[in-house]
Amino acid sequence: MSFEKLDLHPIFNKGGQIESELKRILNNAWAKKLDFIEIIPGKGSGQLKEKVLKFFNQKDIRQKYSRLDVDNKNFGRIFIYFNWNKLE
């Protein structure tokens, strides 16, 4: 399985940079036809996780992936899955 991981801890308080990094990893997933991406917003207060979920729930972004899962065992992880047969 091919995937990339994005840890948002180093930039948790840099709003504009967070969205740029989310776009970057999404574009990388498309360019490399990754199976999934893992995003680590961390546990904290949950605000960063909400920001990430809001980004991926935008209509134009939602069309670029197949499924979004929140890790039930680790509150601070989000997985974005791609089914290339259905996306292209």
C-alpha atoms as a PDB file:
ATOM      1  CA  MET A   1       0.000   0.000   0.000  1.00  0.00           C
ATOM      2  CA  SER A   2       1.275   3.420  -0.865  1.00  0.00           C
ATOM      3  CA  PHE A   3       0.573   6.314   1.456  1.00  0.00           C
ATOM      4  CA  GLU A   4       1.957   9.539   2.864  1.00  0.00           C
ATOM      5  CA  LYS A   5       1.695  10.981   6.335  1.00  0.00           C
ATOM      6  CA  LEU A   6       1.249  14.637   7.298  1.00  0.00           C
ATOM      7  CA  ASP A   7       1.941  15.567  10.921  1.00  0.00           C
ATOM      8  CA  LEU A   8       0.434  18.971  11.672  1.00  0.00           C
ATOM      9  CA  HIS A   9       2.019  19.333  15.124  1.00  0.00           C
ATOM     10  CA  PRO A  10       4.877  21.582  13.894  1.00  0.00           C
ATOM     11  CA  ILE A  11       2.455  24.049  12.252  1.00  0.00           C
ATOM     12  CA  PHE A  12      -0.620  23.744  14.506  1.00  0.00           C
ATOM     13  CA  ASN A  13      -0.824  27.517  15.071  1.00  0.00           C
ATOM     14  CA  LYS A  14      -0.201  28.639  11.473  1.00  0.00           C
ATOM     15  CA  GLY A  15      -3.662  28.659   9.898  1.00  0.00           C
ATOM     16  CA  GLY A  16      -2.745  29.493   6.296  1.00  0.00           C
ATOM     17  CA  GLN A  17       0.121  27.043   6.251  1.00  0.00           C
ATOM     18  CA  ILE A  18      -2.153  24.241   7.446  1.00  0.00           C
ATOM     19  CA  GLU A  19      -4.466  24.612   4.452  1.00  0.00           C
ATOM     20  CA  SER A  20      -1.466  24.809   2.110  1.00  0.00           C
ATOM     21  CA  GLU A  21      -0.072  21.574   3.528  1.00  0.00           C
ATOM     22  CA  LEU A  22      -3.445  19.836   3.222  1.00  0.00           C
ATOM     23  CA  LYS A  23      -3.666  20.888  -0.438  1.00  0.00           C
ATOM     24  CA  ARG A  24      -0.062  19.810  -1.014  1.00  0.00           C
ATOM     25  CA  ILE A  25      -0.550  16.304   0.363  1.00  0.00           C
ATOM     26  CA  LEU A  26      -3.843  15.919  -1.526  1.00  0.00           C
ATOM     27  CA  ASN A  27      -2.117  16.943  -4.775  1.00  0.00           C
ATOM     28  CA  ASN A  28       0.742  14.510  -4.023  1.00  0.00           C
ATOM     29  CA  ALA A  29      -1.792  11.723  -3.511  1.00  0.00           C
ATOM     30  CA  TRP A  30      -3.265  12.457  -6.926  1.00  0.00           C
ATOM     31  CA  ALA A  31       0.113  12.753  -8.642  1.00  0.00           C
ATOM     32  CA  LYS A  32       1.400   9.487  -7.120  1.00  0.00           C
ATOM     33  CA  LYS A  33      -1.960   7.634  -7.089  1.00  0.00           C
ATOM     34  CA  LEU A  34      -1.568   6.878  -3.386  1.00  0.00           C
ATOM     35  CA  ASP A  35      -3.914   4.442  -1.669  1.00  0.00           C
ATOM     36  CA  PHE A  36      -4.424   6.780   1.269  1.00  0.00           C
ATOM     37  CA  ILE A  37      -3.015   9.660   3.256  1.00  0.00           C
ATOM     38  CA  GLU A  38      -2.757   9.867   7.025  1.00  0.00           C
ATOM     39  CA  ILE A  39      -3.147  13.245   8.675  1.00  0.00           C
ATOM     40  CA  ILE A  40      -2.132  13.754  12.283  1.00  0.00           C
ATOM     41  CA  PRO A  41      -3.744  16.838  13.787  1.00  0.00           C
ATOM     42  CA  GLY A  42      -3.019  15.561  17.285  1.00  0.00           C
ATOM     43  CA  LYS A  43      -5.351  15.170  20.212  1.00  0.00           C
ATOM     44  CA  GLY A  44      -5.249  18.607  21.861  1.00  0.00           C
ATOM     45  CA  SER A  45      -8.496  20.545  22.112  1.00  0.00           C
ATOM     46  CA  GLY A  46      -9.844  19.161  18.844  1.00  0.00           C
ATOM     47  CA  GLN A  47      -9.851  22.523  17.032  1.00  0.00           C
ATOM     48  CA  LEU A  48      -7.151  21.510  14.559  1.00  0.00           C
ATOM     49  CA  LYS A  49      -8.925  18.234  13.844  1.00  0.00           C
ATOM     50  CA  GLU A  50     -12.148  20.161  13.173  1.00  0.00           C
ATOM     51  CA  LYS A  51     -10.256  22.455  10.798  1.00  0.00           C
ATOM     52  CA  VAL A  52      -8.915  19.429   8.896  1.00  0.00           C
ATOM     53  CA  LEU A  53     -12.366  17.817   8.710  1.00  0.00           C
ATOM     54  CA  LYS A  54     -13.894  21.099   7.525  1.00  0.00           C
ATOM     55  CA  PHE A  55     -11.247  21.340   4.780  1.00  0.00           C
ATOM     56  CA  PHE A  56     -11.966  17.805   3.541  1.00  0.00           C
ATOM     57  CA  ASN A  57     -15.734  18.343   3.659  1.00  0.00           C
ATOM     58  CA  GLN A  58     -15.631  21.202   1.154  1.00  0.00           C
ATOM     59  CA  LYS A  59     -17.615  20.207  -1.934  1.00  0.00           C
ATOM     60  CA  ASP A  60     -14.709  20.574  -4.403  1.00  0.00           C
ATOM     61  CA  ILE A  61     -12.294  18.704  -2.094  1.00  0.00           C
ATOM     62  CA  ARG A  62     -14.788  15.924  -1.271  1.00  0.00           C
ATOM     63  CA  GLN A  63     -14.833  14.950  -4.943  1.00  0.00           C
ATOM     64  CA  LYS A  64     -11.092  14.207  -4.846  1.00  0.00           C
ATOM     65  CA  TYR A  65     -11.199  11.273  -2.439  1.00  0.00           C
ATOM     66  CA  SER A  66     -13.340   8.213  -1.835  1.00  0.00           C
ATOM     67  CA  ARG A  67     -13.600   7.929   1.930  1.00  0.00           C
ATOM     68  CA  LEU A  68     -12.568   9.719   5.120  1.00  0.00           C
ATOM     69  CA  ASP A  69     -12.099   7.786   8.368  1.00  0.00           C
ATOM     70  CA  VAL A  70     -11.279   8.980  11.852  1.00  0.00           C
ATOM     71  CA  ASP A  71      -9.189   6.497  13.816  1.00  0.00           C
ATOM     72  CA  ASN A  72     -11.414   5.190  16.635  1.00  0.00           C
ATOM     73  CA  LYS A  73      -8.416   4.007  18.645  1.00  0.00           C
ATOM     74  CA  ASN A  74      -6.373   7.193  18.244  1.00  0.00           C
ATOM     75  CA  PHE A  75      -8.458  10.377  18.270  1.00  0.00           C
ATOM     76  CA  GLY A  76      -5.579  12.322  16.689  1.00  0.00           C
ATOM     77  CA  ARG A  77      -5.464  10.560  13.285  1.00  0.00           C
ATOM     78  CA  ILE A  78      -7.503  11.002  10.108  1.00  0.00           C
ATOM     79  CA  PHE A  79      -7.274   8.791   7.024  1.00  0.00           C
ATOM     80  CA  ILE A  80      -8.234   9.858   3.521  1.00  0.00           C
ATOM     81  CA  TYR A  81      -8.690   6.942   1.087  1.00  0.00           C
ATOM     82  CA  PHE A  82      -8.658   6.970  -2.703  1.00  0.00           C
ATOM     83  CA  ASN A  83     -10.408   4.533  -5.030  1.00  0.00           C
ATOM     84  CA  TRP A  84      -8.835   5.454  -8.349  1.00  0.00           C
ATOM     85  CA  ASN A  85     -11.303   3.354 -10.366  1.00  0.00           C
ATOM     86  CA  LYS A  86     -14.140   5.595  -9.214  1.00  0.00           C
ATOM     87  CA  LEU A  87     -12.287   8.920  -9.088  1.00  0.00           C
ATOM     88  CA  GLU A  88     -10.968   9.151 -12.624  1.00  0.00           C
END
